Protein backbone atom coordinates (compact mmCIF):
# COMPACT_ATOMS: atom_id res chain seq x y z
CA UNK A 1 -4.94 35.42 61.12
CA UNK A 2 -7.28 32.48 60.84
CA UNK A 3 -7.37 29.93 58.04
CA UNK A 4 -10.77 28.84 56.83
CA UNK A 5 -11.74 25.43 55.49
CA UNK A 6 -12.24 27.00 52.06
CA UNK A 7 -8.61 28.17 52.00
CA UNK A 8 -7.40 24.66 52.88
CA UNK A 9 -9.48 23.12 50.11
CA UNK A 10 -8.15 25.62 47.55
CA UNK A 11 -4.52 24.96 48.54
CA UNK A 12 -5.08 21.19 48.48
CA UNK A 13 -6.64 21.48 45.01
CA UNK A 14 -3.68 23.46 43.69
CA UNK A 15 -1.25 20.93 45.15
CA UNK A 16 -3.23 18.07 43.56
CA UNK A 17 -3.21 19.75 40.14
CA UNK A 18 0.54 20.39 40.31
CA UNK A 19 1.16 16.78 41.36
CA UNK A 20 -0.90 15.50 38.40
CA UNK A 21 1.00 17.70 35.93
CA UNK A 22 4.38 16.53 37.26
CA UNK A 23 3.27 12.89 37.22
CA UNK A 24 2.21 13.11 33.58
CA UNK A 25 5.47 14.78 32.57
CA UNK A 26 7.52 12.15 34.40
CA UNK A 27 5.47 9.27 32.98
CA UNK A 28 6.08 10.33 29.38
CA UNK A 29 9.82 10.61 30.07
CA UNK A 30 9.90 7.10 31.57
CA UNK A 31 7.89 5.73 28.65
CA UNK A 32 10.32 7.25 26.15
CA UNK A 33 13.22 5.58 27.97
CA UNK A 34 11.50 2.19 28.11
CA UNK A 35 10.15 2.28 24.55
CA UNK A 36 12.38 4.49 22.43
CA UNK A 37 11.12 5.33 18.96
CA UNK A 38 12.64 3.23 16.16
CA UNK A 39 15.67 4.54 14.36
CA UNK A 40 15.18 5.94 10.89
CA UNK A 41 16.38 2.82 9.08
CA UNK A 42 14.03 0.55 11.06
CA UNK A 43 10.46 -0.08 9.99
CA UNK A 44 7.94 -0.22 12.86
CA UNK A 45 6.26 -3.59 13.21
CA UNK A 46 2.83 -2.14 12.50
CA UNK A 47 3.83 -1.03 8.99
CA UNK A 48 5.83 -4.08 7.92
CA UNK A 49 4.26 -5.81 4.98
CA UNK A 50 3.81 -9.53 4.83
CA UNK A 51 3.71 -11.44 1.62
CA UNK A 52 0.33 -12.89 0.84
CA UNK A 53 -0.03 -15.99 -1.29
CA UNK A 54 -1.22 -15.32 -4.80
CA UNK A 55 -4.92 -16.02 -5.18
CA UNK A 56 -5.66 -19.09 -7.21
CA UNK A 57 -8.91 -20.23 -8.70
CA UNK A 58 -10.28 -23.69 -8.14
CA UNK A 59 -12.28 -25.54 -10.72
CA UNK A 60 -14.15 -28.78 -10.61
CA UNK A 61 -17.14 -30.27 -8.93
CA UNK A 62 -17.86 -29.22 -5.36
CA UNK A 63 -18.74 -31.94 -2.84
CA UNK A 64 -19.84 -31.34 0.75
CA UNK A 65 -18.04 -33.65 3.18
CA UNK A 66 -19.65 -32.39 6.40
CA UNK A 67 -20.89 -29.12 7.89
CA UNK A 68 -17.52 -27.35 7.68
CA UNK A 69 -15.58 -29.17 4.93
CA UNK A 70 -15.93 -29.21 1.14
CA UNK A 71 -13.89 -30.65 -1.72
CA UNK A 72 -13.44 -28.81 -5.04
CA UNK A 73 -11.64 -30.88 -7.64
CA UNK A 74 -8.94 -32.59 -5.59
CA UNK A 75 -8.58 -29.75 -3.05
CA UNK A 76 -10.08 -30.31 0.44
CA UNK A 77 -11.17 -27.03 2.08
CA UNK A 78 -12.02 -26.68 5.78
CA UNK A 79 -13.72 -23.41 6.76
CA UNK A 80 -11.67 -21.46 9.32
CA UNK A 81 -13.44 -20.36 12.48
CA UNK A 82 -16.33 -22.75 11.95
CA UNK A 83 -16.86 -25.93 13.94
CA UNK A 84 -19.76 -28.05 12.75
CA UNK A 85 -20.48 -31.57 14.00
CA UNK A 86 -18.95 -34.47 12.10
CA UNK A 87 -21.24 -36.86 10.25
CA UNK A 88 -21.11 -39.49 13.01
CA UNK A 89 -21.98 -36.92 15.72
CA UNK A 90 -25.47 -35.71 16.66
CA UNK A 91 -26.84 -33.27 14.07
CA UNK A 92 -23.94 -34.08 11.72
CA UNK A 93 -26.18 -34.98 8.80
CA UNK A 94 -28.28 -31.84 9.36
CA UNK A 95 -25.10 -29.70 9.27
CA UNK A 96 -24.08 -31.31 5.97
CA UNK A 97 -27.54 -30.80 4.47
CA UNK A 98 -27.57 -27.15 5.55
CA UNK A 99 -24.26 -26.55 3.78
CA UNK A 100 -25.44 -28.36 0.68
CA UNK A 101 -28.42 -25.99 0.46
CA UNK A 102 -26.09 -22.97 0.35
């Protein structure tokens, strides 16, 4: 009885598929042991609520300090995630003027 190359490839493919199935089953078991699901009385971190500050309204005259800072009434507000040049830096006055036009 002779074994052809086709037979070897088929057997190797079956072995590879079985190995992949066993690896996936083992991986999920290990993951469950490392990261067990939370108990019923625990709240998962993704669904915990955080308290947000109550929104307040500002009133008064608005003044532009520089390209990323304004003052309303006596409250100084710096825009988060925005970095504009200061007045004494190059293009600082242009940044202030651009914000004033908004």
